[in-house]
Amino acid sequence: MSASSNGANDVSALRDDIASLQRDVGILLGHLKSGAASSARGAADQLEESATRTYRQIAAEGTRSMKAMERQVEDRPLLAVLIAAGVGYIGGRLLSR
């Protein structure tokens, strides 16, 4: 009976080990899920920061360009009117076809 008692103890120990392994795998999966969610949030935050930075740079460049054009028009108003008339004439000719 010692052999069957030993076998029962082995099966019981094996069941305990399997249960422990299942708990450990469950915990590991939980950590993996939270890590993936954290990584996704981090990537989204970095993307948002990058987009905001790019938007601000583009807006600042647009403002600088607009001010430069305003200075050009103020310095040479006749040239600005002639250029605008020329672009309008060419645009009108192209659209009439």
N, C-alpha and C. Protein backbone atom coordinates (compact mmCIF):
# COMPACT_ATOMS: atom_id res chain seq x y z
N MET A 1 0.81 -1.19 0.00
CA MET A 1 0.00 0.00 0.00
C MET A 1 0.85 1.25 0.00
N SER A 2 2.04 1.03 0.30
CA SER A 2 2.95 2.15 0.33
C SER A 2 3.12 2.75 -1.05
N ALA A 3 3.12 1.93 -2.10
CA ALA A 3 3.28 2.42 -3.47
C ALA A 3 2.07 3.22 -3.90
N SER A 4 0.84 2.72 -3.57
CA SER A 4 -0.35 3.47 -3.98
C SER A 4 -0.49 4.74 -3.16
N SER A 5 -0.04 4.71 -1.93
CA SER A 5 -0.06 5.91 -1.09
C SER A 5 0.93 6.92 -1.64
N ASN A 6 2.07 6.43 -2.07
CA ASN A 6 3.07 7.30 -2.69
C ASN A 6 2.54 7.90 -3.98
N GLY A 7 1.84 7.11 -4.79
CA GLY A 7 1.26 7.57 -6.05
C GLY A 7 0.20 8.62 -5.79
N ALA A 8 -0.62 8.44 -4.77
CA ALA A 8 -1.66 9.42 -4.43
C ALA A 8 -1.02 10.72 -3.98
N ASN A 9 0.05 10.60 -3.21
CA ASN A 9 0.76 11.80 -2.76
C ASN A 9 1.38 12.54 -3.95
N ASP A 10 1.93 11.77 -4.89
CA ASP A 10 2.52 12.38 -6.10
C ASP A 10 1.46 13.09 -6.92
N VAL A 11 0.28 12.45 -7.08
CA VAL A 11 -0.81 13.06 -7.85
C VAL A 11 -1.29 14.32 -7.15
N SER A 12 -1.38 14.26 -5.83
CA SER A 12 -1.81 15.42 -5.06
C SER A 12 -0.79 16.56 -5.19
N ALA A 13 0.47 16.23 -5.12
CA ALA A 13 1.53 17.25 -5.27
C ALA A 13 1.50 17.83 -6.68
N LEU A 14 1.26 16.96 -7.66
CA LEU A 14 1.19 17.42 -9.06
C LEU A 14 0.01 18.36 -9.24
N ARG A 15 -1.14 18.05 -8.63
CA ARG A 15 -2.31 18.93 -8.72
C ARG A 15 -2.01 20.28 -8.08
N ASP A 16 -1.33 20.26 -6.94
CA ASP A 16 -0.97 21.52 -6.28
C ASP A 16 -0.02 22.34 -7.14
N ASP A 17 0.94 21.66 -7.76
CA ASP A 17 1.88 22.36 -8.64
C ASP A 17 1.16 22.97 -9.84
N ILE A 18 0.22 22.24 -10.41
CA ILE A 18 -0.54 22.74 -11.57
C ILE A 18 -1.38 23.94 -11.16
N ALA A 19 -2.02 23.86 -9.99
CA ALA A 19 -2.82 24.99 -9.51
C ALA A 19 -1.93 26.21 -9.28
N SER A 20 -0.76 25.99 -8.70
CA SER A 20 0.18 27.09 -8.48
C SER A 20 0.64 27.68 -9.81
N LEU A 21 0.90 26.83 -10.77
CA LEU A 21 1.32 27.28 -12.09
C LEU A 21 0.21 28.09 -12.76
N GLN A 22 -1.02 27.67 -12.61
CA GLN A 22 -2.14 28.41 -13.20
C GLN A 22 -2.25 29.80 -12.57
N ARG A 23 -2.08 29.88 -11.25
CA ARG A 23 -2.12 31.19 -10.59
C ARG A 23 -0.99 32.07 -11.09
N ASP A 24 0.21 31.51 -11.19
CA ASP A 24 1.36 32.29 -11.65
C ASP A 24 1.17 32.78 -13.08
N VAL A 25 0.63 31.92 -13.94
CA VAL A 25 0.38 32.32 -15.33
C VAL A 25 -0.69 33.41 -15.38
N GLY A 26 -1.71 33.29 -14.54
CA GLY A 26 -2.74 34.33 -14.47
C GLY A 26 -2.16 35.66 -14.04
N ILE A 27 -1.31 35.64 -13.04
CA ILE A 27 -0.67 36.87 -12.57
C ILE A 27 0.22 37.45 -13.67
N LEU A 28 0.98 36.58 -14.33
CA LEU A 28 1.86 37.03 -15.41
C LEU A 28 1.06 37.66 -16.54
N LEU A 29 -0.05 37.07 -16.92
CA LEU A 29 -0.90 37.64 -17.97
C LEU A 29 -1.46 38.99 -17.54
N GLY A 30 -1.82 39.10 -16.27
CA GLY A 30 -2.30 40.39 -15.77
C GLY A 30 -1.23 41.46 -15.88
N HIS A 31 -0.01 41.12 -15.53
CA HIS A 31 1.10 42.08 -15.65
C HIS A 31 1.36 42.44 -17.11
N LEU A 32 1.28 41.44 -17.98
CA LEU A 32 1.49 41.72 -19.41
C LEU A 32 0.43 42.65 -19.95
N LYS A 33 -0.82 42.42 -19.56
CA LYS A 33 -1.92 43.28 -20.03
C LYS A 33 -1.75 44.70 -19.53
N SER A 34 -1.42 44.85 -18.26
CA SER A 34 -1.26 46.20 -17.73
C SER A 34 -0.03 46.88 -18.34
N GLY A 35 1.02 46.12 -18.60
CA GLY A 35 2.20 46.68 -19.25
C GLY A 35 1.90 47.13 -20.66
N ALA A 36 1.12 46.33 -21.40
CA ALA A 36 0.76 46.70 -22.77
C ALA A 36 -0.11 47.95 -22.78
N ALA A 37 -1.05 48.02 -21.84
CA ALA A 37 -1.92 49.20 -21.76
C ALA A 37 -1.10 50.43 -21.41
N SER A 38 -0.16 50.26 -20.50
CA SER A 38 0.70 51.38 -20.11
C SER A 38 1.56 51.83 -21.28
N SER A 39 2.09 50.88 -22.04
CA SER A 39 2.90 51.22 -23.21
C SER A 39 2.07 51.95 -24.26
N ALA A 40 0.84 51.49 -24.45
CA ALA A 40 -0.03 52.14 -25.43
C ALA A 40 -0.35 53.57 -25.00
N ARG A 41 -0.62 53.75 -23.70
CA ARG A 41 -0.88 55.11 -23.20
C ARG A 41 0.35 55.99 -23.38
N GLY A 42 1.52 55.43 -23.10
CA GLY A 42 2.76 56.20 -23.26
C GLY A 42 2.98 56.61 -24.71
N ALA A 43 2.73 55.68 -25.62
CA ALA A 43 2.90 55.98 -27.05
C ALA A 43 1.89 57.03 -27.49
N ALA A 44 0.66 56.93 -27.01
CA ALA A 44 -0.36 57.91 -27.37
C ALA A 44 0.02 59.29 -26.83
N ASP A 45 0.53 59.33 -25.61
CA ASP A 45 0.96 60.61 -25.04
C ASP A 45 2.10 61.22 -25.84
N GLN A 46 3.06 60.39 -26.24
CA GLN A 46 4.18 60.90 -27.03
C GLN A 46 3.70 61.41 -28.38
N LEU A 47 2.77 60.70 -28.99
CA LEU A 47 2.23 61.11 -30.28
C LEU A 47 1.48 62.44 -30.15
N GLU A 48 0.72 62.58 -29.08
CA GLU A 48 -0.01 63.82 -28.85
C GLU A 48 0.95 64.99 -28.65
N GLU A 49 2.01 64.76 -27.87
CA GLU A 49 3.00 65.82 -27.64
C GLU A 49 3.68 66.22 -28.93
N SER A 50 4.01 65.22 -29.74
CA SER A 50 4.67 65.50 -31.01
C SER A 50 3.75 66.28 -31.95
N ALA A 51 2.48 65.88 -32.00
CA ALA A 51 1.52 66.58 -32.85
C ALA A 51 1.33 68.02 -32.39
N THR A 52 1.27 68.21 -31.08
CA THR A 52 1.10 69.56 -30.53
C THR A 52 2.31 70.43 -30.86
N ARG A 53 3.50 69.86 -30.69
CA ARG A 53 4.72 70.59 -31.00
C ARG A 53 4.77 70.97 -32.48
N THR A 54 4.42 70.02 -33.35
CA THR A 54 4.43 70.27 -34.80
C THR A 54 3.42 71.35 -35.16
N TYR A 55 2.23 71.28 -34.56
CA TYR A 55 1.19 72.29 -34.83
C TYR A 55 1.68 73.68 -34.43
N ARG A 56 2.31 73.77 -33.26
CA ARG A 56 2.80 75.06 -32.80
C ARG A 56 3.89 75.61 -33.71
N GLN A 57 4.77 74.72 -34.19
CA GLN A 57 5.83 75.15 -35.10
C GLN A 57 5.25 75.66 -36.41
N ILE A 58 4.26 74.92 -36.94
CA ILE A 58 3.63 75.33 -38.20
C ILE A 58 2.89 76.65 -38.03
N ALA A 59 2.18 76.79 -36.92
CA ALA A 59 1.45 78.03 -36.66
C ALA A 59 2.42 79.20 -36.54
N ALA A 60 3.54 79.00 -35.85
CA ALA A 60 4.53 80.07 -35.69
C ALA A 60 5.14 80.42 -37.04
N GLU A 61 5.44 79.42 -37.86
CA GLU A 61 6.00 79.68 -39.19
C GLU A 61 5.00 80.42 -40.07
N GLY A 62 3.73 80.06 -39.98
CA GLY A 62 2.69 80.76 -40.74
C GLY A 62 2.57 82.21 -40.33
N THR A 63 2.66 82.44 -39.03
CA THR A 63 2.60 83.82 -38.53
C THR A 63 3.79 84.63 -39.02
N ARG A 64 4.98 84.02 -38.98
CA ARG A 64 6.17 84.73 -39.47
C ARG A 64 6.04 85.03 -40.96
N SER A 65 5.56 84.07 -41.73
CA SER A 65 5.40 84.28 -43.18
C SER A 65 4.40 85.38 -43.46
N MET A 66 3.31 85.39 -42.70
CA MET A 66 2.29 86.42 -42.91
C MET A 66 2.84 87.80 -42.60
N LYS A 67 3.62 87.91 -41.54
CA LYS A 67 4.21 89.20 -41.19
C LYS A 67 5.21 89.65 -42.25
N ALA A 68 5.97 88.70 -42.79
CA ALA A 68 6.94 89.03 -43.85
C ALA A 68 6.21 89.54 -45.10
N MET A 69 5.10 88.87 -45.44
CA MET A 69 4.33 89.31 -46.61
C MET A 69 3.72 90.69 -46.35
N GLU A 70 3.24 90.93 -45.14
CA GLU A 70 2.68 92.24 -44.81
C GLU A 70 3.74 93.33 -44.98
N ARG A 71 4.97 93.04 -44.53
CA ARG A 71 6.05 94.03 -44.68
C ARG A 71 6.35 94.28 -46.15
N GLN A 72 6.35 93.22 -46.96
CA GLN A 72 6.62 93.38 -48.39
C GLN A 72 5.55 94.24 -49.04
N VAL A 73 4.28 94.00 -48.68
CA VAL A 73 3.18 94.78 -49.26
C VAL A 73 3.27 96.23 -48.81
N GLU A 74 3.61 96.45 -47.54
CA GLU A 74 3.73 97.82 -47.03
C GLU A 74 4.91 98.54 -47.68
N ASP A 75 6.00 97.82 -47.92
CA ASP A 75 7.19 98.44 -48.53
C ASP A 75 6.99 98.73 -50.01
N ARG A 76 6.28 97.87 -50.72
CA ARG A 76 6.08 98.01 -52.16
C ARG A 76 4.61 97.75 -52.53
N PRO A 77 3.74 98.68 -52.20
CA PRO A 77 2.31 98.45 -52.46
C PRO A 77 1.97 98.35 -53.95
N LEU A 78 2.62 99.14 -54.79
CA LEU A 78 2.33 99.09 -56.22
C LEU A 78 2.71 97.75 -56.81
N LEU A 79 3.87 97.24 -56.43
CA LEU A 79 4.31 95.93 -56.91
C LEU A 79 3.34 94.84 -56.44
N ALA A 80 2.85 94.94 -55.20
CA ALA A 80 1.91 93.96 -54.68
C ALA A 80 0.60 93.97 -55.47
N VAL A 81 0.13 95.15 -55.81
CA VAL A 81 -1.11 95.26 -56.59
C VAL A 81 -0.89 94.68 -57.99
N LEU A 82 0.24 94.98 -58.62
CA LEU A 82 0.53 94.45 -59.95
C LEU A 82 0.63 92.92 -59.93
N ILE A 83 1.30 92.38 -58.92
CA ILE A 83 1.40 90.92 -58.82
C ILE A 83 0.02 90.31 -58.62
N ALA A 84 -0.80 90.88 -57.75
CA ALA A 84 -2.14 90.36 -57.51
C ALA A 84 -2.98 90.43 -58.78
N ALA A 85 -2.86 91.53 -59.53
CA ALA A 85 -3.62 91.66 -60.78
C ALA A 85 -3.14 90.63 -61.80
N GLY A 86 -1.83 90.40 -61.87
CA GLY A 86 -1.30 89.41 -62.81
C GLY A 86 -1.76 88.00 -62.46
N VAL A 87 -1.71 87.66 -61.21
CA VAL A 87 -2.17 86.33 -60.79
C VAL A 87 -3.66 86.19 -61.06
N GLY A 88 -4.43 87.24 -60.81
CA GLY A 88 -5.86 87.20 -61.08
C GLY A 88 -6.16 87.04 -62.56
N TYR A 89 -5.43 87.75 -63.39
CA TYR A 89 -5.62 87.66 -64.84
C TYR A 89 -5.30 86.25 -65.34
N ILE A 90 -4.15 85.72 -64.92
CA ILE A 90 -3.75 84.37 -65.36
C ILE A 90 -4.74 83.33 -64.84
N GLY A 91 -5.18 83.48 -63.61
CA GLY A 91 -6.15 82.54 -63.05
C GLY A 91 -7.47 82.61 -63.80
N GLY A 92 -7.91 83.81 -64.14
CA GLY A 92 -9.14 83.96 -64.90
C GLY A 92 -9.06 83.36 -66.28
N ARG A 93 -7.91 83.51 -66.92
CA ARG A 93 -7.72 82.93 -68.26
C ARG A 93 -7.73 81.41 -68.19
N LEU A 94 -7.09 80.86 -67.17
CA LEU A 94 -7.05 79.39 -67.04
C LEU A 94 -8.42 78.81 -66.72
N LEU A 95 -9.19 79.51 -65.91
CA LEU A 95 -10.51 79.00 -65.54
C LEU A 95 -11.54 79.17 -66.65
N SER A 96 -11.31 80.13 -67.56
CA SER A 96 -12.29 80.35 -68.64
C SER A 96 -12.20 79.27 -69.72
N ARG A 97 -11.16 78.49 -69.72
CA ARG A 97 -11.00 77.46 -70.77
C ARG A 97 -11.80 76.27 -70.47
